[in-house]
Amino acid sequence: TRSRALVGARAMDGTATALLTSCPAKRELHVWDPLSGLVLRTYKDCAAPPRGLAVVDAGHFVAAQVGRPQLHIYSWAREQPTFRCQTPEELRALVCTSDGTYCIGAGCSGRLYLWAIRSGSLLLAWDAHFKSSTALALTADDSVLISGGADALVTVWSLADALACADPSSARGASPTPLWTWSSHALAVTDVAVGRTCPGSLALSASLDGTVHVRELARGELLHVLRAPAPVHSVCLSPCEHSVFAGTAAGLVHEATL
């Protein structure tokens, strides 16, 4: 059975890069050494969905659960969750800010949820999509959140705006306004990614329509439409933002040079 969720992280000693993968069918997580291919640790009874894993900090990561409105928070050093919490609904994707302060979850209803990690408080929930939210990405400076959905939309949000709406002094029921709403895909968006060259980052979205759309995040301009021979399930960008890698339903990874 293929591993379905994958994130890069610092290994348990904080010095080396490791890979964290999830296999929902076996309800297992695995930490891998990418150089040797050896499994460093296995976490059992955890069925994280695609894009349902997020690194909090050098000591912890968080996992959503397939078919359950739950989050499991793990220490890298323990095979059992250190904390389990209920969520308002089943979550399809997670992302944490680089300083480990906030966690954002994408719900099956199309809502996004913003938590303060230290307190566990749900700060804000707002509607982002007409159908299920499927993917999330944050810019390297944590200023902009990108969300993809089964409604074929990509929405772009200011995290500062979301935090302002979460402030108790703000108007009750206030919701952030998207910076951009992109509707160029024909079918559900399966993944989103963003480059690390803020503020001129590229934003990528993958879709079941077999395309990857590449945009300039600051202006929202569509720069490229890359076509794959099968529905695209995942996408990422090289650190220099020169190459795009797309994983398809056929089990192949395709590279395109920008």
C-alpha atoms as a PDB file:
ATOM      1  CA  THR A   1       0.000   0.000   0.000  1.00  0.00           C
ATOM      2  CA  ARG A   2       1.418   3.354  -0.949  1.00  0.00           C
ATOM      3  CA  SER A   3       2.143   6.040   1.550  1.00  0.00           C
ATOM      4  CA  ARG A   4      -0.244   8.870   0.865  1.00  0.00           C
ATOM      5  CA  ALA A   5       0.963  11.792   2.982  1.00  0.00           C
ATOM      6  CA  LEU A   6       4.499  13.147   3.040  1.00  0.00           C
ATOM      7  CA  VAL A   7       6.233  16.011   4.786  1.00  0.00           C
ATOM      8  CA  GLY A   8       9.861  16.914   5.327  1.00  0.00           C
ATOM      9  CA  ALA A   9      11.032  17.580   8.848  1.00  0.00           C
ATOM     10  CA  ARG A  10      13.986  17.781  11.159  1.00  0.00           C
ATOM     11  CA  ALA A  11      14.841  14.400  12.576  1.00  0.00           C
ATOM     12  CA  MET A  12      14.552  13.551  16.260  1.00  0.00           C
ATOM     13  CA  ASP A  13      18.032  14.903  17.102  1.00  0.00           C
ATOM     14  CA  GLY A  14      17.238  18.190  15.355  1.00  0.00           C
ATOM     15  CA  THR A  15      20.294  17.998  13.092  1.00  0.00           C
ATOM     16  CA  ALA A  16      19.280  15.957  10.035  1.00  0.00           C
ATOM     17  CA  THR A  17      16.461  16.027   7.532  1.00  0.00           C
ATOM     18  CA  ALA A  18      13.894  13.236   7.751  1.00  0.00           C
ATOM     19  CA  LEU A  19      10.774  12.301   5.824  1.00  0.00           C
ATOM     20  CA  LEU A  20       7.455  11.642   7.536  1.00  0.00           C
ATOM     21  CA  THR A  21       4.933   9.547   5.591  1.00  0.00           C
ATOM     22  CA  SER A  22       1.457   8.213   6.263  1.00  0.00           C
ATOM     23  CA  CYS A  23      -0.228   5.033   5.069  1.00  0.00           C
ATOM     24  CA  PRO A  24      -3.934   5.397   5.975  1.00  0.00           C
ATOM     25  CA  ALA A  25      -4.797   1.837   4.901  1.00  0.00           C
ATOM     26  CA  LYS A  26      -2.405   0.434   7.530  1.00  0.00           C
ATOM     27  CA  ARG A  27      -2.999   3.294  10.004  1.00  0.00           C
ATOM     28  CA  GLU A  28       0.716   3.919  10.319  1.00  0.00           C
ATOM     29  CA  LEU A  29       3.190   6.773  10.106  1.00  0.00           C
ATOM     30  CA  HIS A  30       6.849   6.235   9.255  1.00  0.00           C
ATOM     31  CA  VAL A  31       9.899   8.452   9.705  1.00  0.00           C
ATOM     32  CA  TRP A  32      12.538   7.746   7.046  1.00  0.00           C
ATOM     33  CA  ASP A  33      16.172   8.604   6.567  1.00  0.00           C
ATOM     34  CA  PRO A  34      16.132   9.945   2.970  1.00  0.00           C
ATOM     35  CA  LEU A  35      19.802   9.078   2.437  1.00  0.00           C
ATOM     36  CA  SER A  36      19.791   5.440   3.559  1.00  0.00           C
ATOM     37  CA  GLY A  37      16.112   4.646   2.986  1.00  0.00           C
ATOM     38  CA  LEU A  38      15.859   3.166   6.486  1.00  0.00           C
ATOM     39  CA  VAL A  39      12.772   3.525   8.663  1.00  0.00           C
ATOM     40  CA  LEU A  40      13.786   5.387  11.806  1.00  0.00           C
ATOM     41  CA  ARG A  41      10.485   5.157  13.663  1.00  0.00           C
ATOM     42  CA  THR A  42       6.916   3.895  13.220  1.00  0.00           C
ATOM     43  CA  TYR A  43       3.811   5.450  14.761  1.00  0.00           C
ATOM     44  CA  LYS A  44       0.789   3.139  14.836  1.00  0.00           C
ATOM     45  CA  ASP A  45      -2.973   3.689  14.900  1.00  0.00           C
ATOM     46  CA  CYS A  46      -2.767   6.934  12.953  1.00  0.00           C
ATOM     47  CA  ALA A  47      -4.505   7.324   9.587  1.00  0.00           C
ATOM     48  CA  ALA A  48      -3.509  10.753   8.296  1.00  0.00           C
ATOM     49  CA  PRO A  49      -5.029  11.790   4.955  1.00  0.00           C
ATOM     50  CA  PRO A  50      -3.053  13.207   2.034  1.00  0.00           C
ATOM     51  CA  ARG A  51      -1.753  16.610   3.167  1.00  0.00           C
ATOM     52  CA  GLY A  52      -2.921  15.755   6.699  1.00  0.00           C
ATOM     53  CA  LEU A  53       0.512  15.967   8.370  1.00  0.00           C
ATOM     54  CA  ALA A  54       2.240  19.143   9.556  1.00  0.00           C
ATOM     55  CA  VAL A  55       5.440  19.789  11.498  1.00  0.00           C
ATOM     56  CA  VAL A  56       4.903  22.033  14.513  1.00  0.00           C
ATOM     57  CA  ASP A  57       8.524  22.427  15.645  1.00  0.00           C
ATOM     58  CA  ALA A  58      11.681  20.395  16.181  1.00  0.00           C
ATOM     59  CA  GLY A  59       9.922  18.349  18.842  1.00  0.00           C
ATOM     60  CA  HIS A  60       6.380  17.802  17.594  1.00  0.00           C
ATOM     61  CA  PHE A  61       4.119  17.190  14.613  1.00  0.00           C
ATOM     62  CA  VAL A  62       0.360  17.029  14.169  1.00  0.00           C
ATOM     63  CA  ALA A  63      -1.808  14.598  12.185  1.00  0.00           C
ATOM     64  CA  ALA A  64      -5.431  14.779  11.039  1.00  0.00           C
ATOM     65  CA  GLN A  65      -7.432  11.536  10.940  1.00  0.00           C
ATOM     66  CA  VAL A  66      -9.300   9.976   8.011  1.00  0.00           C
ATOM     67  CA  GLY A  67     -12.999   9.617   8.805  1.00  0.00           C
ATOM     68  CA  ARG A  68     -12.670  11.185  12.256  1.00  0.00           C
ATOM     69  CA  PRO A  69     -12.945  14.778  13.509  1.00  0.00           C
ATOM     70  CA  GLN A  70      -9.678  14.490  15.429  1.00  0.00           C
ATOM     71  CA  LEU A  71      -6.147  15.812  15.608  1.00  0.00           C
ATOM     72  CA  HIS A  72      -3.283  13.768  17.056  1.00  0.00           C
ATOM     73  CA  ILE A  73      -0.241  15.639  18.340  1.00  0.00           C
ATOM     74  CA  TYR A  74       2.969  13.630  18.513  1.00  0.00           C
ATOM     75  CA  SER A  75       6.391  14.041  20.018  1.00  0.00           C
ATOM     76  CA  TRP A  76       9.086  12.725  17.695  1.00  0.00           C
ATOM     77  CA  ALA A  77      10.422  10.656  20.605  1.00  0.00           C
ATOM     78  CA  ARG A  78       7.165   8.834  21.426  1.00  0.00           C
ATOM     79  CA  GLU A  79       5.234   6.377  19.271  1.00  0.00           C
ATOM     80  CA  GLN A  80       1.888   7.249  20.879  1.00  0.00           C
ATOM     81  CA  PRO A  81       0.178  10.646  20.633  1.00  0.00           C
ATOM     82  CA  THR A  82       0.953  13.022  23.464  1.00  0.00           C
ATOM     83  CA  PHE A  83      -2.418  14.690  22.950  1.00  0.00           C
ATOM     84  CA  ARG A  84      -5.648  13.959  21.071  1.00  0.00           C
ATOM     85  CA  CYS A  85      -8.283  16.602  20.457  1.00  0.00           C
ATOM     86  CA  GLN A  86     -11.679  16.809  18.805  1.00  0.00           C
ATOM     87  CA  THR A  87     -12.173  19.137  15.856  1.00  0.00           C
ATOM     88  CA  PRO A  88     -15.408  20.654  14.540  1.00  0.00           C
ATOM     89  CA  GLU A  89     -15.294  18.304  11.531  1.00  0.00           C
ATOM     90  CA  GLU A  90     -13.012  15.944   9.648  1.00  0.00           C
ATOM     91  CA  LEU A  91      -9.961  17.774   8.310  1.00  0.00           C
ATOM     92  CA  ARG A  92      -8.433  17.150   4.884  1.00  0.00           C
ATOM     93  CA  ALA A  93      -5.265  19.245   5.159  1.00  0.00           C
ATOM     94  CA  LEU A  94      -3.076  20.902   7.781  1.00  0.00           C
ATOM     95  CA  VAL A  95      -0.342  23.504   7.831  1.00  0.00           C
ATOM     96  CA  CYS A  96       1.528  25.156  10.708  1.00  0.00           C
ATOM     97  CA  THR A  97       3.342  28.458  10.827  1.00  0.00           C
ATOM     98  CA  SER A  98       7.123  28.203  10.815  1.00  0.00           C
ATOM     99  CA  ASP A  99       7.404  29.333  14.452  1.00  0.00           C
ATOM    100  CA  GLY A 100       4.918  26.705  15.632  1.00  0.00           C
ATOM    101  CA  THR A 101       2.439  29.307  16.898  1.00  0.00           C
ATOM    102  CA  TYR A 102      -0.597  28.588  14.715  1.00  0.00           C
ATOM    103  CA  CYS A 103      -2.137  25.595  12.961  1.00  0.00           C
ATOM    104  CA  ILE A 104      -4.633  25.906  10.097  1.00  0.00           C
ATOM    105  CA  GLY A 105      -6.916  23.046   9.112  1.00  0.00           C
ATOM    106  CA  ALA A 106      -9.016  22.533   5.978  1.00  0.00           C
ATOM    107  CA  GLY A 107     -12.447  21.022   6.630  1.00  0.00           C
ATOM    108  CA  CYS A 108     -14.690  18.771   4.574  1.00  0.00           C
ATOM    109  CA  SER A 109     -17.358  21.483   4.580  1.00  0.00           C
ATOM    110  CA  GLY A 110     -15.073  24.009   2.882  1.00  0.00           C
ATOM    111  CA  ARG A 111     -14.326  25.886   6.101  1.00  0.00           C
ATOM    112  CA  LEU A 112     -10.842  26.768   7.338  1.00  0.00           C
ATOM    113  CA  TYR A 113      -9.940  26.632  11.027  1.00  0.00           C
ATOM    114  CA  LEU A 114      -7.225  28.586  12.840  1.00  0.00           C
ATOM    115  CA  TRP A 115      -5.867  27.280  16.169  1.00  0.00           C
ATOM    116  CA  ALA A 116      -3.350  28.661  18.645  1.00  0.00           C
ATOM    117  CA  ILE A 117      -1.105  25.643  19.193  1.00  0.00           C
ATOM    118  CA  ARG A 118       0.119  26.377  22.731  1.00  0.00           C
ATOM    119  CA  SER A 119      -3.339  26.911  24.199  1.00  0.00           C
ATOM    120  CA  GLY A 120      -5.259  24.671  21.797  1.00  0.00           C
ATOM    121  CA  SER A 121      -7.841  27.445  21.361  1.00  0.00           C
ATOM    122  CA  LEU A 122      -9.838  27.633  18.152  1.00  0.00           C
ATOM    123  CA  LEU A 123      -9.379  31.273  17.199  1.00  0.00           C
ATOM    124  CA  LEU A 124     -11.384  31.486  13.982  1.00  0.00           C
ATOM    125  CA  ALA A 125     -13.404  29.469  11.487  1.00  0.00           C
ATOM    126  CA  TRP A 126     -14.471  30.831   8.129  1.00  0.00           C
ATOM    127  CA  ASP A 127     -15.897  29.694   4.789  1.00  0.00           C
ATOM    128  CA  ALA A 128     -13.274  29.355   2.066  1.00  0.00           C
ATOM    129  CA  HIS A 129     -14.873  26.969  -0.464  1.00  0.00           C
ATOM    130  CA  PHE A 130     -18.297  25.803  -1.619  1.00  0.00           C
ATOM    131  CA  LYS A 131     -17.159  22.179  -1.372  1.00  0.00           C
ATOM    132  CA  SER A 132     -14.469  20.417   0.648  1.00  0.00           C
ATOM    133  CA  SER A 133     -11.194  22.228   1.284  1.00  0.00           C
ATOM    134  CA  THR A 134      -8.488  19.911  -0.016  1.00  0.00           C
ATOM    135  CA  ALA A 135      -5.052  21.556   0.301  1.00  0.00           C
ATOM    136  CA  LEU A 136      -3.213  24.321   2.146  1.00  0.00           C
ATOM    137  CA  ALA A 137       0.134  26.106   1.813  1.00  0.00           C
ATOM    138  CA  LEU A 138       1.815  28.995   3.618  1.00  0.00           C
ATOM    139  CA  THR A 139       4.440  31.351   2.252  1.00  0.00           C
ATOM    140  CA  ALA A 140       7.903  31.160   3.843  1.00  0.00           C
ATOM    141  CA  ASP A 141       7.219  34.274   5.937  1.00  0.00           C
ATOM    142  CA  ASP A 142       3.781  32.934   7.039  1.00  0.00           C
ATOM    143  CA  SER A 143       2.073  36.043   5.684  1.00  0.00           C
ATOM    144  CA  VAL A 144      -0.110  34.418   3.015  1.00  0.00           C
ATOM    145  CA  LEU A 145      -2.238  31.266   3.149  1.00  0.00           C
ATOM    146  CA  ILE A 146      -3.290  29.458  -0.032  1.00  0.00           C
ATOM    147  CA  SER A 147      -6.232  27.059  -0.055  1.00  0.00           C
ATOM    148  CA  GLY A 148      -7.451  24.680  -2.755  1.00  0.00           C
ATOM    149  CA  GLY A 149     -10.883  23.090  -2.885  1.00  0.00           C
ATOM    150  CA  ALA A 150     -13.067  20.454  -4.505  1.00  0.00           C
ATOM    151  CA  ASP A 151     -15.032  23.364  -6.004  1.00  0.00           C
ATOM    152  CA  ALA A 152     -12.058  23.901  -8.395  1.00  0.00           C
ATOM    153  CA  LEU A 153     -11.216  27.213  -6.704  1.00  0.00           C
ATOM    154  CA  VAL A 154      -7.971  28.468  -5.222  1.00  0.00           C
ATOM    155  CA  THR A 155      -8.366  31.138  -2.557  1.00  0.00           C
ATOM    156  CA  VAL A 156      -5.544  33.278  -1.144  1.00  0.00           C
ATOM    157  CA  TRP A 157      -5.720  34.821   2.327  1.00  0.00           C
ATOM    158  CA  SER A 158      -3.728  37.203   4.497  1.00  0.00           C
ATOM    159  CA  LEU A 159      -2.910  35.461   7.773  1.00  0.00           C
ATOM    160  CA  ALA A 160      -2.700  38.863   9.471  1.00  0.00           C
ATOM    161  CA  ASP A 161      -6.253  39.580   8.300  1.00  0.00           C
ATOM    162  CA  ALA A 162      -7.441  36.240   9.717  1.00  0.00           C
ATOM    163  CA  LEU A 163      -5.756  36.980  13.059  1.00  0.00           C
ATOM    164  CA  ALA A 164      -7.362  40.423  13.116  1.00  0.00           C
ATOM    165  CA  CYS A 165     -10.780  38.822  12.639  1.00  0.00           C
ATOM    166  CA  ALA A 166      -9.953  36.432  15.499  1.00  0.00           C
ATOM    167  CA  ASP A 167      -9.202  39.323  17.861  1.00  0.00           C
ATOM    168  CA  PRO A 168     -11.912  39.550  20.558  1.00  0.00           C
ATOM    169  CA  SER A 169     -12.215  43.288  19.927  1.00  0.00           C
ATOM    170  CA  SER A 170     -13.186  42.739  16.272  1.00  0.00           C
ATOM    171  CA  ALA A 171     -16.771  42.596  15.067  1.00  0.00           C
ATOM    172  CA  ARG A 172     -18.529  39.385  16.097  1.00  0.00           C
ATOM    173  CA  GLY A 173     -18.690  36.928  13.210  1.00  0.00           C
ATOM    174  CA  ALA A 174     -16.097  38.807  11.139  1.00  0.00           C
ATOM    175  CA  SER A 175     -14.430  36.759   8.386  1.00  0.00           C
ATOM    176  CA  PRO A 176     -11.342  37.563   6.332  1.00  0.00           C
ATOM    177  CA  THR A 177     -11.684  38.623   2.715  1.00  0.00           C
ATOM    178  CA  PRO A 178      -9.602  36.693   0.172  1.00  0.00           C
ATOM    179  CA  LEU A 179      -6.739  38.514  -1.488  1.00  0.00           C
ATOM    180  CA  TRP A 180      -7.352  36.431  -4.612  1.00  0.00           C
ATOM    181  CA  THR A 181      -9.889  33.878  -5.827  1.00  0.00           C
ATOM    182  CA  TRP A 182      -8.708  31.902  -8.849  1.00  0.00           C
ATOM    183  CA  SER A 183     -11.196  29.856 -10.877  1.00  0.00           C
ATOM    184  CA  SER A 184      -9.129  28.691 -13.850  1.00  0.00           C
ATOM    185  CA  HIS A 185      -9.287  24.938 -13.091  1.00  0.00           C
ATOM    186  CA  ALA A 186     -12.057  22.791 -14.584  1.00  0.00           C
ATOM    187  CA  LEU A 187     -12.106  20.114 -11.854  1.00  0.00           C
ATOM    188  CA  ALA A 188     -11.245  19.783  -8.169  1.00  0.00           C
ATOM    189  CA  VAL A 189      -7.975  21.232  -6.917  1.00  0.00           C
ATOM    190  CA  THR A 190      -5.928  18.464  -5.287  1.00  0.00           C
ATOM    191  CA  ASP A 191      -2.808  20.297  -4.106  1.00  0.00           C
ATOM    192  CA  VAL A 192      -1.278  23.753  -3.775  1.00  0.00           C
ATOM    193  CA  ALA A 193       2.320  24.855  -3.259  1.00  0.00           C
ATOM    194  CA  VAL A 194       4.220  28.107  -2.989  1.00  0.00           C
ATOM    195  CA  GLY A 195       7.831  29.109  -3.527  1.00  0.00           C
ATOM    196  CA  ARG A 196      10.120  30.512  -0.872  1.00  0.00           C
ATOM    197  CA  THR A 197      11.276  33.744  -2.550  1.00  0.00           C
ATOM    198  CA  CYS A 198       8.928  36.144  -0.763  1.00  0.00           C
ATOM    199  CA  PRO A 199       7.447  38.488  -1.807  1.00  0.00           C
ATOM    200  CA  GLY A 200       7.875  37.394  -5.441  1.00  0.00           C
ATOM    201  CA  SER A 201       6.926  33.754  -4.886  1.00  0.00           C
ATOM    202  CA  LEU A 202       5.295  31.513  -7.432  1.00  0.00           C
ATOM    203  CA  ALA A 203       2.026  29.810  -6.447  1.00  0.00           C
ATOM    204  CA  LEU A 204       1.138  26.397  -7.893  1.00  0.00           C
ATOM    205  CA  SER A 205      -2.164  24.543  -8.000  1.00  0.00           C
ATOM    206  CA  ALA A 206      -2.753  20.967  -9.194  1.00  0.00           C
ATOM    207  CA  SER A 207      -6.067  19.564 -10.320  1.00  0.00           C
ATOM    208  CA  LEU A 208      -7.949  16.472 -11.399  1.00  0.00           C
ATOM    209  CA  ASP A 209      -8.272  18.205 -14.776  1.00  0.00           C
ATOM    210  CA  GLY A 210      -4.656  17.140 -15.419  1.00  0.00           C
ATOM    211  CA  THR A 211      -3.107  20.590 -15.199  1.00  0.00           C
ATOM    212  CA  VAL A 212      -0.776  22.528 -12.945  1.00  0.00           C
ATOM    213  CA  HIS A 213      -1.289  26.281 -12.954  1.00  0.00           C
ATOM    214  CA  VAL A 214       1.667  28.512 -12.107  1.00  0.00           C
ATOM    215  CA  ARG A 215       0.945  32.059 -10.948  1.00  0.00           C
ATOM    216  CA  GLU A 216       2.834  35.035  -9.634  1.00  0.00           C
ATOM    217  CA  LEU A 217       1.482  35.294  -6.122  1.00  0.00           C
ATOM    218  CA  ALA A 218       1.868  39.052  -5.666  1.00  0.00           C
ATOM    219  CA  ARG A 219      -0.115  39.973  -8.792  1.00  0.00           C
ATOM    220  CA  GLY A 220      -2.203  36.827  -9.211  1.00  0.00           C
ATOM    221  CA  GLU A 221      -1.137  36.589 -12.848  1.00  0.00           C
ATOM    222  CA  LEU A 222      -1.359  33.164 -14.536  1.00  0.00           C
ATOM    223  CA  LEU A 223       2.111  32.525 -15.994  1.00  0.00           C
ATOM    224  CA  HIS A 224       1.991  28.882 -17.149  1.00  0.00           C
ATOM    225  CA  VAL A 225      -0.459  26.031 -17.599  1.00  0.00           C
ATOM    226  CA  LEU A 226       1.391  22.704 -17.435  1.00  0.00           C
ATOM    227  CA  ARG A 227      -0.471  19.655 -18.754  1.00  0.00           C
ATOM    228  CA  ALA A 228      -0.024  16.086 -17.508  1.00  0.00           C
ATOM    229  CA  PRO A 229      -1.303  12.873 -19.143  1.00  0.00           C
ATOM    230  CA  ALA A 230      -3.370  11.999 -16.039  1.00  0.00           C
ATOM    231  CA  PRO A 231      -5.094  13.738 -13.103  1.00  0.00           C
ATOM    232  CA  VAL A 232      -2.529  15.481 -10.925  1.00  0.00           C
ATOM    233  CA  HIS A 233      -2.628  14.597  -7.229  1.00  0.00           C
ATOM    234  CA  SER A 234       0.416  16.459  -5.879  1.00  0.00           C
ATOM    235  CA  VAL A 235       2.772  19.238  -6.857  1.00  0.00           C
ATOM    236  CA  CYS A 236       5.917  20.900  -5.541  1.00  0.00           C
ATOM    237  CA  LEU A 237       8.440  23.494  -6.646  1.00  0.00           C
ATOM    238  CA  SER A 238      12.225  23.301  -6.591  1.00  0.00           C
ATOM    239  CA  PRO A 239      13.942  25.647  -4.084  1.00  0.00           C
ATOM    240  CA  CYS A 240      15.170  27.899  -6.911  1.00  0.00           C
ATOM    241  CA  GLU A 241      11.663  27.897  -8.454  1.00  0.00           C
ATOM    242  CA  HIS A 242      13.043  26.684 -11.773  1.00  0.00           C
ATOM    243  CA  SER A 243      11.351  23.261 -11.861  1.00  0.00           C
ATOM    244  CA  VAL A 244       7.895  21.890 -11.076  1.00  0.00           C
ATOM    245  CA  PHE A 245       7.332  18.285 -10.016  1.00  0.00           C
ATOM    246  CA  ALA A 246       3.840  16.822 -10.400  1.00  0.00           C
ATOM    247  CA  GLY A 247       2.646  13.422  -9.185  1.00  0.00           C
ATOM    248  CA  THR A 248      -0.233  11.913 -11.141  1.00  0.00           C
ATOM    249  CA  ALA A 249      -2.902   9.258 -10.634  1.00  0.00           C
ATOM    250  CA  ALA A 250      -0.799   6.971 -12.835  1.00  0.00           C
ATOM    251  CA  GLY A 251       1.854   6.784 -10.109  1.00  0.00           C
ATOM    252  CA  LEU A 252       4.387   8.826 -12.080  1.00  0.00           C
ATOM    253  CA  VAL A 253       6.236  12.026 -11.237  1.00  0.00           C
ATOM    254  CA  HIS A 254       6.628  14.517 -14.101  1.00  0.00           C
ATOM    255  CA  GLU A 255       9.185  17.338 -14.139  1.00  0.00           C
ATOM    256  CA  ALA A 256       8.709  20.591 -16.029  1.00  0.00           C
ATOM    257  CA  THR A 257      11.263  23.388 -16.314  1.00  0.00           C
ATOM    258  CA  LEU A 258       9.896  26.928 -16.063  1.00  0.00           C
END
